[in-house]
Amino acid sequence: MELLGYRSKNVNAVNGLYPFRSRISLSTTWDGYGFYIDYTLTPLFKPGVGNDTRALSLGCRLGF
């Protein structure tokens, strides 16, 4: 649909992704500094849509 030269955008049109995820997290902090690991157990895509992709996040936290 066009209105004055602009097209509307459907933001809910993401097909093939799981709406929820389950994950395992590990976090530790000492003296305001920390480290975390986050692993997603649920695949990013539904079967037949994409590769069996799972997210792994590593990071550092700094607190002052």
N, C-alpha and C. Protein backbone atom coordinates (compact mmCIF):
# COMPACT_ATOMS: atom_id res chain seq x y z
N MET A 1 0.83 -1.18 0.00
CA MET A 1 0.00 0.00 0.00
C MET A 1 0.88 1.24 0.00
N GLU A 2 0.57 2.16 -0.87
CA GLU A 2 1.33 3.41 -0.93
C GLU A 2 0.43 4.57 -0.55
N LEU A 3 0.99 5.46 0.25
CA LEU A 3 0.27 6.65 0.66
C LEU A 3 1.24 7.82 0.54
N LEU A 4 0.98 8.70 -0.38
CA LEU A 4 1.83 9.86 -0.63
C LEU A 4 3.28 9.47 -0.92
N GLY A 5 3.47 8.40 -1.66
CA GLY A 5 4.81 7.98 -2.05
C GLY A 5 5.54 7.12 -1.03
N TYR A 6 4.93 6.82 0.10
CA TYR A 6 5.56 5.98 1.12
C TYR A 6 4.86 4.63 1.19
N ARG A 7 5.64 3.59 1.34
CA ARG A 7 5.07 2.25 1.48
C ARG A 7 5.04 1.87 2.95
N SER A 8 3.99 1.20 3.37
CA SER A 8 3.92 0.73 4.76
C SER A 8 4.79 -0.51 4.91
N LYS A 9 5.28 -0.70 6.10
CA LYS A 9 6.19 -1.81 6.37
C LYS A 9 5.56 -2.73 7.40
N ASN A 10 5.58 -4.03 7.11
CA ASN A 10 5.05 -5.02 8.05
C ASN A 10 6.22 -5.53 8.88
N VAL A 11 6.28 -5.12 10.15
CA VAL A 11 7.41 -5.49 11.00
C VAL A 11 7.27 -6.90 11.58
N ASN A 12 6.12 -7.52 11.45
CA ASN A 12 5.89 -8.87 11.97
C ASN A 12 6.06 -9.95 10.91
N ALA A 13 6.73 -9.63 9.82
CA ALA A 13 6.83 -10.56 8.70
C ALA A 13 8.10 -11.40 8.75
N VAL A 14 8.59 -11.74 9.94
CA VAL A 14 9.78 -12.59 10.07
C VAL A 14 9.32 -14.03 10.17
N ASN A 15 9.47 -14.77 9.09
CA ASN A 15 9.04 -16.16 9.06
C ASN A 15 10.22 -17.08 9.29
N GLY A 16 9.99 -18.19 9.95
CA GLY A 16 11.02 -19.19 10.11
C GLY A 16 11.85 -19.06 11.37
N LEU A 17 11.60 -18.06 12.20
CA LEU A 17 12.34 -17.90 13.45
C LEU A 17 11.47 -18.40 14.61
N TYR A 18 12.12 -18.98 15.60
CA TYR A 18 11.41 -19.37 16.81
C TYR A 18 11.11 -18.11 17.62
N PRO A 19 9.87 -17.97 18.14
CA PRO A 19 9.53 -16.77 18.90
C PRO A 19 10.15 -16.73 20.30
N PHE A 20 10.51 -17.88 20.86
CA PHE A 20 11.10 -17.95 22.19
C PHE A 20 12.40 -18.74 22.12
N ARG A 21 13.24 -18.59 23.14
CA ARG A 21 14.48 -19.35 23.17
C ARG A 21 14.76 -19.80 24.59
N SER A 22 15.49 -20.88 24.71
CA SER A 22 15.98 -21.33 26.01
C SER A 22 17.50 -21.28 25.96
N ARG A 23 18.10 -20.96 27.09
CA ARG A 23 19.54 -20.77 27.09
C ARG A 23 20.14 -21.14 28.44
N ILE A 24 21.44 -21.30 28.42
CA ILE A 24 22.23 -21.55 29.62
C ILE A 24 23.17 -20.36 29.77
N SER A 25 23.21 -19.80 30.97
CA SER A 25 24.07 -18.64 31.22
C SER A 25 24.98 -18.92 32.42
N LEU A 26 26.19 -18.42 32.34
CA LEU A 26 27.15 -18.50 33.43
C LEU A 26 27.76 -17.12 33.57
N SER A 27 27.76 -16.59 34.79
CA SER A 27 28.28 -15.25 35.03
C SER A 27 29.00 -15.22 36.36
N THR A 28 30.10 -14.50 36.40
CA THR A 28 30.83 -14.30 37.64
C THR A 28 31.34 -12.87 37.70
N THR A 29 31.38 -12.32 38.91
CA THR A 29 31.82 -10.93 39.09
C THR A 29 32.68 -10.84 40.35
N TRP A 30 33.74 -10.05 40.30
CA TRP A 30 34.59 -9.80 41.45
C TRP A 30 35.17 -8.40 41.33
N ASP A 31 35.15 -7.66 42.43
CA ASP A 31 35.66 -6.28 42.49
C ASP A 31 35.15 -5.39 41.36
N GLY A 32 33.91 -5.57 40.95
CA GLY A 32 33.35 -4.72 39.90
C GLY A 32 33.64 -5.17 38.48
N TYR A 33 34.40 -6.23 38.32
CA TYR A 33 34.71 -6.77 36.99
C TYR A 33 34.07 -8.15 36.86
N GLY A 34 33.63 -8.47 35.69
CA GLY A 34 32.96 -9.75 35.53
C GLY A 34 33.15 -10.35 34.15
N PHE A 35 32.69 -11.57 34.03
CA PHE A 35 32.79 -12.34 32.80
C PHE A 35 31.50 -13.13 32.66
N TYR A 36 30.99 -13.27 31.43
CA TYR A 36 29.79 -14.06 31.22
C TYR A 36 29.89 -14.90 29.95
N ILE A 37 29.16 -16.02 29.97
CA ILE A 37 29.01 -16.91 28.82
C ILE A 37 27.51 -17.21 28.70
N ASP A 38 26.99 -17.15 27.50
CA ASP A 38 25.57 -17.40 27.25
C ASP A 38 25.46 -18.29 26.02
N TYR A 39 24.84 -19.46 26.16
CA TYR A 39 24.67 -20.39 25.04
C TYR A 39 23.19 -20.66 24.84
N THR A 40 22.71 -20.51 23.63
CA THR A 40 21.30 -20.74 23.31
C THR A 40 21.08 -22.20 22.93
N LEU A 41 20.15 -22.85 23.64
CA LEU A 41 19.83 -24.26 23.37
C LEU A 41 18.88 -24.42 22.19
N THR A 42 18.01 -23.44 21.99
CA THR A 42 17.03 -23.50 20.91
C THR A 42 17.67 -23.00 19.62
N PRO A 43 17.49 -23.71 18.50
CA PRO A 43 18.03 -23.20 17.22
C PRO A 43 17.38 -21.87 16.84
N LEU A 44 18.10 -21.07 16.08
CA LEU A 44 17.57 -19.77 15.65
C LEU A 44 16.42 -19.94 14.66
N PHE A 45 16.57 -20.88 13.72
CA PHE A 45 15.58 -21.09 12.67
C PHE A 45 14.78 -22.37 12.90
N LYS A 46 13.56 -22.37 12.42
CA LYS A 46 12.72 -23.57 12.46
C LYS A 46 13.25 -24.58 11.44
N PRO A 47 12.97 -25.88 11.61
CA PRO A 47 13.46 -26.90 10.67
C PRO A 47 13.02 -26.62 9.23
N GLY A 48 13.95 -26.78 8.30
CA GLY A 48 13.67 -26.58 6.89
C GLY A 48 13.79 -25.14 6.42
N VAL A 49 14.07 -24.20 7.32
CA VAL A 49 14.17 -22.80 6.94
C VAL A 49 15.62 -22.37 6.77
N GLY A 50 16.48 -22.78 7.69
CA GLY A 50 17.88 -22.38 7.63
C GLY A 50 18.75 -23.41 8.31
N ASN A 51 20.01 -23.07 8.48
CA ASN A 51 20.96 -23.96 9.14
C ASN A 51 20.63 -24.09 10.63
N ASP A 52 21.15 -25.13 11.26
CA ASP A 52 20.99 -25.33 12.70
C ASP A 52 21.95 -24.38 13.42
N THR A 53 21.52 -23.13 13.60
CA THR A 53 22.36 -22.08 14.16
C THR A 53 21.98 -21.84 15.62
N ARG A 54 22.98 -21.84 16.49
CA ARG A 54 22.77 -21.55 17.91
C ARG A 54 23.78 -20.47 18.32
N ALA A 55 23.32 -19.55 19.14
CA ALA A 55 24.15 -18.40 19.52
C ALA A 55 25.00 -18.71 20.74
N LEU A 56 26.24 -18.23 20.72
CA LEU A 56 27.16 -18.29 21.85
C LEU A 56 27.69 -16.88 22.06
N SER A 57 27.47 -16.36 23.27
CA SER A 57 27.93 -15.01 23.59
C SER A 57 28.95 -15.08 24.72
N LEU A 58 30.03 -14.35 24.56
CA LEU A 58 31.08 -14.23 25.58
C LEU A 58 31.29 -12.75 25.82
N GLY A 59 31.54 -12.38 27.05
CA GLY A 59 31.78 -10.96 27.27
C GLY A 59 32.36 -10.64 28.64
N CYS A 60 32.74 -9.38 28.78
CA CYS A 60 33.28 -8.85 30.03
C CYS A 60 32.37 -7.73 30.51
N ARG A 61 32.29 -7.61 31.83
CA ARG A 61 31.51 -6.54 32.43
C ARG A 61 32.44 -5.69 33.29
N LEU A 62 32.27 -4.40 33.18
CA LEU A 62 33.06 -3.47 33.97
C LEU A 62 32.13 -2.62 34.81
N GLY A 63 32.33 -2.60 36.11
CA GLY A 63 31.50 -1.81 37.01
C GLY A 63 32.36 -0.85 37.80
N PHE A 64 31.93 0.37 37.91
CA PHE A 64 32.71 1.37 38.63
C PHE A 64 31.92 1.93 39.77
